[in-house]
Amino acid sequence: MAAPLVLSYFAKSGMTLNSLKSLLSSQKENILSAAPSGLNFGVGSTIHNDSRGKIHDVRKAETSSAKWLIPLLLVGAGLFALFFFSKGCNRKEVTPVVPTETVDTVAKKMDAAVNETQNALGNFFRFKLPNGIELNVPEFGIENRLNTWLTDKTKVVDKTTWFNFDRLLFDTGKATLRPESQEQLKNMAEILKAYPAVELKIGGYTDNVGDPTFNLKLSGDRAKSVKDEMIKMGIAKERLESEGYGQQFPVASNDTEEGKAKNRRIAVRVTKK
């Protein structure tokens, strides 16, 4: 088993048959002394004093070299393999060190992300809707901005004024709303109930990562999921419509992760006030 490996090594090193024979000849005594006693490779020869005997001894030596070359090579290969096998057995197993984050580290990162979002949205406060329902919302959240716009008589319906949801979460690559989204969806439903004449269009958007056709469908499915959820909360389906725009109409650069996050959004536009 070890012989092919050794021969391959010799071939890669540029060693020829003659140089290999010379090497083994020079190391023959060392290899034989390391081999188990009693092994006979037929390396002995008889030297005669007459001229004919000398010629015979030369021929016998040439034949003998061919006989002992292969077994000597195999013994050398075996010792070579045994040497590396013993090194492998004696080597202590080293467990690779894989940098991992502790639970505390992950928790701190999540808390930091939540705090960053909350800081951007401002402090939570309570206000009452025209029907007396009280909401607890962030200062710069969609609920307060939409309610302020609806109560401002100078604001008129147009096709450019959109309000972005800021606490909606979906499963990755899907249109499935996560449970954390329920609070904001309920607040939006309450606002629509307080303003029964208002109608909304829900738009879905993505960043530019992935297939544009898939992104267009995903954005439409997510917008529809929001509409369907609000219908379940008691809003008449005639007051809502939805559409997906995919990676069209970005509000930030897609060259950064922060910009991509802003482009992945669900927004609403008032179509009737």
Protein backbone atom coordinates (compact mmCIF):
# COMPACT_ATOMS: atom_id res chain seq x y z
CA MET A 1 0.00 0.00 0.00
CA ALA A 2 2.83 2.38 0.79
CA ALA A 3 4.93 1.54 -2.28
CA PRO A 4 2.83 3.57 -4.79
CA LEU A 5 3.03 6.60 -2.53
CA VAL A 6 6.80 6.31 -2.25
CA LEU A 7 7.25 5.74 -5.98
CA SER A 8 5.01 8.72 -6.72
CA TYR A 9 7.17 10.84 -4.41
CA PHE A 10 10.34 9.67 -6.19
CA ALA A 11 8.79 10.46 -9.57
CA LYS A 12 7.81 13.98 -8.53
CA SER A 13 11.27 14.63 -7.13
CA GLY A 14 12.85 13.80 -10.53
CA MET A 15 14.69 10.70 -9.29
CA THR A 16 15.64 8.20 -12.01
CA LEU A 17 15.96 4.44 -11.72
CA ASN A 18 19.76 4.65 -11.61
CA SER A 19 19.74 7.32 -8.91
CA LEU A 20 17.19 5.29 -6.95
CA LYS A 21 19.37 2.18 -7.19
CA SER A 22 22.36 4.18 -6.04
CA LEU A 23 20.40 5.56 -3.10
CA LEU A 24 19.16 2.14 -2.04
CA SER A 25 22.59 0.62 -2.50
CA SER A 26 24.12 3.24 -0.23
CA GLN A 27 21.39 2.70 2.39
CA LYS A 28 21.08 -1.07 1.97
CA GLU A 29 22.83 -1.97 5.18
CA ASN A 30 20.77 0.54 7.21
CA ILE A 31 17.49 -0.73 5.75
CA LEU A 32 18.41 -4.37 6.28
CA SER A 33 19.48 -3.71 9.85
CA ALA A 34 16.11 -2.06 10.53
CA ALA A 35 14.15 -4.91 8.98
CA PRO A 36 13.05 -7.91 11.07
CA SER A 37 15.71 -10.56 11.43
CA GLY A 38 15.36 -13.71 9.37
CA LEU A 39 14.22 -12.04 6.17
CA ASN A 40 16.29 -13.23 3.19
CA PHE A 41 16.42 -11.05 0.07
CA GLY A 42 18.96 -13.18 -1.79
CA VAL A 43 21.62 -10.53 -1.64
CA GLY A 44 24.53 -12.91 -0.95
CA SER A 45 27.11 -13.89 -3.63
CA THR A 46 30.15 -16.14 -3.91
CA ILE A 47 33.46 -14.71 -5.09
CA HIS A 48 35.80 -17.01 -7.06
CA ASN A 49 39.49 -16.36 -7.52
CA ASP A 50 39.83 -17.52 -11.12
CA SER A 51 39.13 -15.31 -14.09
CA ARG A 52 36.03 -17.25 -15.09
CA GLY A 53 34.70 -16.97 -11.58
CA LYS A 54 35.19 -13.24 -11.63
CA ILE A 55 33.15 -12.88 -14.80
CA HIS A 56 30.48 -15.13 -13.30
CA ASP A 57 30.45 -13.04 -10.10
CA VAL A 58 29.88 -9.83 -12.06
CA ARG A 59 26.93 -11.35 -13.91
CA LYS A 60 25.59 -12.77 -10.67
CA ALA A 61 25.96 -9.38 -9.00
CA GLU A 62 23.98 -7.72 -11.83
CA THR A 63 21.24 -10.35 -11.53
CA SER A 64 21.33 -10.14 -7.75
CA SER A 65 20.91 -6.36 -7.82
CA ALA A 66 17.68 -6.75 -9.75
CA LYS A 67 16.47 -9.35 -7.25
CA TRP A 68 17.11 -7.35 -4.13
CA LEU A 69 16.08 -3.97 -5.58
CA ILE A 70 12.31 -4.59 -5.44
CA PRO A 71 12.16 -6.23 -1.99
CA LEU A 72 14.54 -3.62 -0.63
CA LEU A 73 12.32 -0.91 -2.06
CA LEU A 74 9.26 -2.50 -0.44
CA VAL A 75 11.02 -2.72 2.92
CA GLY A 76 12.06 0.91 2.62
CA ALA A 77 8.50 1.88 1.69
CA GLY A 78 7.15 -0.05 4.65
CA LEU A 79 9.53 1.66 7.04
CA PHE A 80 8.67 5.00 5.45
CA ALA A 81 4.94 4.39 5.92
CA LEU A 82 5.46 3.08 9.45
CA PHE A 83 7.36 6.22 10.35
CA PHE A 84 4.56 8.54 9.24
CA PHE A 85 1.87 6.27 10.69
CA SER A 86 3.55 6.39 14.08
CA LYS A 87 3.80 10.16 13.87
CA GLY A 88 0.11 10.38 13.05
CA CYS A 89 -0.84 8.12 15.95
CA ASN A 90 1.29 10.04 18.42
CA ARG A 91 0.09 13.44 17.26
CA LYS A 92 -2.37 15.04 19.61
CA GLU A 93 -5.71 15.88 18.09
CA VAL A 94 -6.08 19.61 17.83
CA THR A 95 -9.59 20.97 17.85
CA PRO A 96 -9.83 23.94 15.49
CA VAL A 97 -10.73 27.13 17.21
CA VAL A 98 -13.87 28.50 15.59
CA PRO A 99 -14.74 31.99 16.70
CA THR A 100 -18.24 31.90 18.07
CA GLU A 101 -20.43 34.50 19.61
CA THR A 102 -21.70 33.95 23.09
CA VAL A 103 -25.36 34.25 23.92
CA ASP A 104 -24.62 37.48 25.74
CA THR A 105 -22.89 38.93 22.66
CA VAL A 106 -25.80 38.07 20.37
CA ALA A 107 -28.27 39.45 22.90
CA LYS A 108 -26.31 42.69 23.16
CA LYS A 109 -26.27 43.07 19.37
CA MET A 110 -30.02 42.51 19.20
CA ASP A 111 -30.61 45.02 21.98
CA ALA A 112 -28.39 47.52 20.19
CA ALA A 113 -30.37 47.09 16.95
CA VAL A 114 -33.66 47.53 18.81
CA ASN A 115 -32.34 50.59 20.60
CA GLU A 116 -31.13 52.09 17.32
CA THR A 117 -34.59 51.65 15.78
CA GLN A 118 -36.29 53.09 18.83
CA ASN A 119 -33.96 56.08 18.86
CA ALA A 120 -34.75 56.77 15.20
CA LEU A 121 -38.49 56.57 15.90
CA GLY A 122 -38.34 58.68 19.04
CA ASN A 123 -40.01 58.11 22.37
CA PHE A 124 -43.36 56.36 22.73
CA PHE A 125 -46.29 58.50 23.76
CA ARG A 126 -50.08 58.17 23.94
CA PHE A 127 -52.65 60.04 21.92
CA LYS A 128 -56.37 59.69 21.31
CA LEU A 129 -58.09 59.14 17.99
CA PRO A 130 -61.33 60.96 17.11
CA ASN A 131 -63.38 57.95 18.28
CA GLY A 132 -61.71 58.01 21.70
CA ILE A 133 -59.36 55.03 21.15
CA GLU A 134 -55.94 55.69 22.68
CA LEU A 135 -52.77 54.50 20.98
CA ASN A 136 -49.26 54.13 22.37
CA VAL A 137 -46.90 54.82 19.47
CA PRO A 138 -43.42 56.24 18.76
CA GLU A 139 -43.16 59.91 17.93
CA PHE A 140 -41.89 59.39 14.38
CA GLY A 141 -43.71 56.12 13.70
CA ILE A 142 -46.16 55.67 10.84
CA GLU A 143 -49.18 55.85 13.15
CA ASN A 144 -48.45 59.35 14.43
CA ARG A 145 -47.34 60.69 11.04
CA LEU A 146 -50.43 59.34 9.28
CA ASN A 147 -52.78 60.61 11.98
CA THR A 148 -51.15 64.06 11.87
CA TRP A 149 -51.54 64.18 8.08
CA LEU A 150 -55.19 63.10 8.24
CA THR A 151 -56.07 65.79 10.80
CA ASP A 152 -54.32 68.51 8.78
CA LYS A 153 -56.96 70.06 6.52
CA THR A 154 -54.30 71.58 4.27
CA LYS A 155 -53.07 68.14 3.22
CA VAL A 156 -54.67 66.82 0.05
CA VAL A 157 -54.57 63.42 -1.60
CA ASP A 158 -51.74 62.99 -4.13
CA LYS A 159 -49.69 60.19 -5.66
CA THR A 160 -46.36 61.06 -4.06
CA THR A 161 -47.03 61.08 -0.31
CA TRP A 162 -46.23 57.68 1.19
CA PHE A 163 -45.90 56.59 4.80
CA ASN A 164 -43.51 53.72 5.56
CA PHE A 165 -44.31 51.03 8.08
CA ASP A 166 -41.45 50.88 10.59
CA ARG A 167 -42.20 47.83 12.71
CA LEU A 168 -43.28 45.19 10.16
CA LEU A 169 -41.23 41.99 9.92
CA PHE A 170 -41.47 39.13 7.42
CA ASP A 171 -39.87 35.71 7.23
CA THR A 172 -36.78 35.88 5.01
CA GLY A 173 -37.68 35.54 1.34
CA LYS A 174 -41.37 35.04 2.16
CA ALA A 175 -44.57 37.05 2.53
CA THR A 176 -45.32 35.61 5.96
CA LEU A 177 -45.75 38.30 8.60
CA ARG A 178 -43.99 37.65 11.88
CA PRO A 179 -45.82 38.01 15.21
CA GLU A 180 -43.87 41.18 16.08
CA SER A 181 -45.80 42.96 13.31
CA GLN A 182 -49.19 42.63 15.00
CA GLU A 183 -48.91 45.70 17.23
CA GLN A 184 -48.41 48.14 14.37
CA LEU A 185 -51.02 46.46 12.18
CA LYS A 186 -53.59 46.77 14.98
CA ASN A 187 -52.74 50.45 15.41
CA MET A 188 -53.23 51.06 11.69
CA ALA A 189 -56.56 49.26 11.77
CA GLU A 190 -57.68 51.45 14.66
CA ILE A 191 -56.74 54.60 12.72
CA LEU A 192 -58.82 53.47 9.74
CA LYS A 193 -61.75 52.73 12.03
CA ALA A 194 -61.44 56.26 13.48
CA TYR A 195 -61.47 57.75 9.96
CA PRO A 196 -64.13 55.68 8.13
CA ALA A 197 -63.90 57.71 4.90
CA VAL A 198 -60.16 57.08 4.44
CA GLU A 199 -58.94 54.59 1.85
CA LEU A 200 -55.37 53.36 1.47
CA LYS A 201 -53.11 51.84 -1.12
CA ILE A 202 -50.44 49.47 0.25
CA GLY A 203 -47.19 49.26 -1.71
CA GLY A 204 -44.43 46.65 -1.39
CA TYR A 205 -40.78 47.26 -2.28
CA THR A 206 -37.48 45.35 -2.25
CA ASP A 207 -33.79 46.09 -2.71
CA ASN A 208 -31.95 45.16 -5.93
CA VAL A 209 -30.52 41.85 -4.68
CA GLY A 210 -31.67 38.75 -6.56
CA ASP A 211 -33.92 38.20 -9.55
CA PRO A 212 -36.08 41.26 -10.41
CA THR A 213 -39.04 39.06 -11.37
CA PHE A 214 -38.92 37.25 -8.03
CA ASN A 215 -38.55 40.56 -6.16
CA LEU A 216 -41.59 42.00 -7.94
CA LYS A 217 -43.73 39.02 -6.96
CA LEU A 218 -42.42 38.99 -3.40
CA SER A 219 -43.17 42.68 -2.92
CA GLY A 220 -46.70 42.20 -4.22
CA ASP A 221 -47.29 39.17 -1.99
CA ARG A 222 -46.07 41.06 1.07
CA ALA A 223 -48.28 44.05 0.34
CA LYS A 224 -51.25 41.69 -0.06
CA SER A 225 -50.40 39.97 3.23
CA VAL A 226 -50.64 43.34 5.01
CA LYS A 227 -53.95 44.10 3.31
CA ASP A 228 -55.39 40.67 4.18
CA GLU A 229 -54.31 41.04 7.81
CA MET A 230 -56.00 44.41 8.14
CA ILE A 231 -59.17 42.99 6.57
CA LYS A 232 -59.11 40.29 9.26
CA MET A 233 -59.00 43.12 11.82
CA GLY A 234 -62.28 44.54 10.57
CA ILE A 235 -61.35 46.89 7.73
CA ALA A 236 -63.61 46.61 4.67
CA LYS A 237 -61.69 45.23 1.70
CA GLU A 238 -63.12 48.01 -0.52
CA ARG A 239 -61.04 50.52 1.44
CA LEU A 240 -57.75 48.81 0.70
CA GLU A 241 -55.74 47.95 -2.38
CA SER A 242 -52.22 46.59 -2.73
CA GLU A 243 -49.48 46.50 -5.33
CA GLY A 244 -45.88 45.33 -5.52
CA TYR A 245 -43.18 47.48 -7.12
CA GLY A 246 -40.16 45.23 -6.58
CA GLN A 247 -36.87 47.06 -6.74
CA GLN A 248 -38.38 50.13 -8.41
CA PHE A 249 -38.48 53.49 -6.64
CA PRO A 250 -35.60 53.04 -4.15
CA VAL A 251 -35.44 55.63 -1.36
CA ALA A 252 -31.74 55.01 -0.65
CA SER A 253 -28.62 53.68 -2.37
CA ASN A 254 -28.40 49.92 -2.79
CA ASP A 255 -24.62 50.15 -2.51
CA THR A 256 -24.77 49.86 1.29
CA GLU A 257 -26.52 47.46 3.66
CA GLU A 258 -28.21 50.38 5.38
CA GLY A 259 -29.57 51.61 2.05
CA LYS A 260 -30.82 48.15 1.11
CA ALA A 261 -32.62 47.86 4.43
CA LYS A 262 -34.43 51.14 3.76
CA ASN A 263 -35.48 49.98 0.29
CA ARG A 264 -37.03 46.79 1.68
CA ARG A 265 -40.26 48.33 2.90
CA ILE A 266 -44.04 48.39 2.99
CA ALA A 267 -45.67 51.80 2.62
CA VAL A 268 -49.18 53.25 2.40
CA ARG A 269 -50.63 56.14 0.42
CA VAL A 270 -53.95 57.78 1.15
CA THR A 271 -56.18 57.49 -1.92
CA LYS A 272 -59.27 59.01 -0.34
CA LYS A 273 -59.55 61.33 2.64
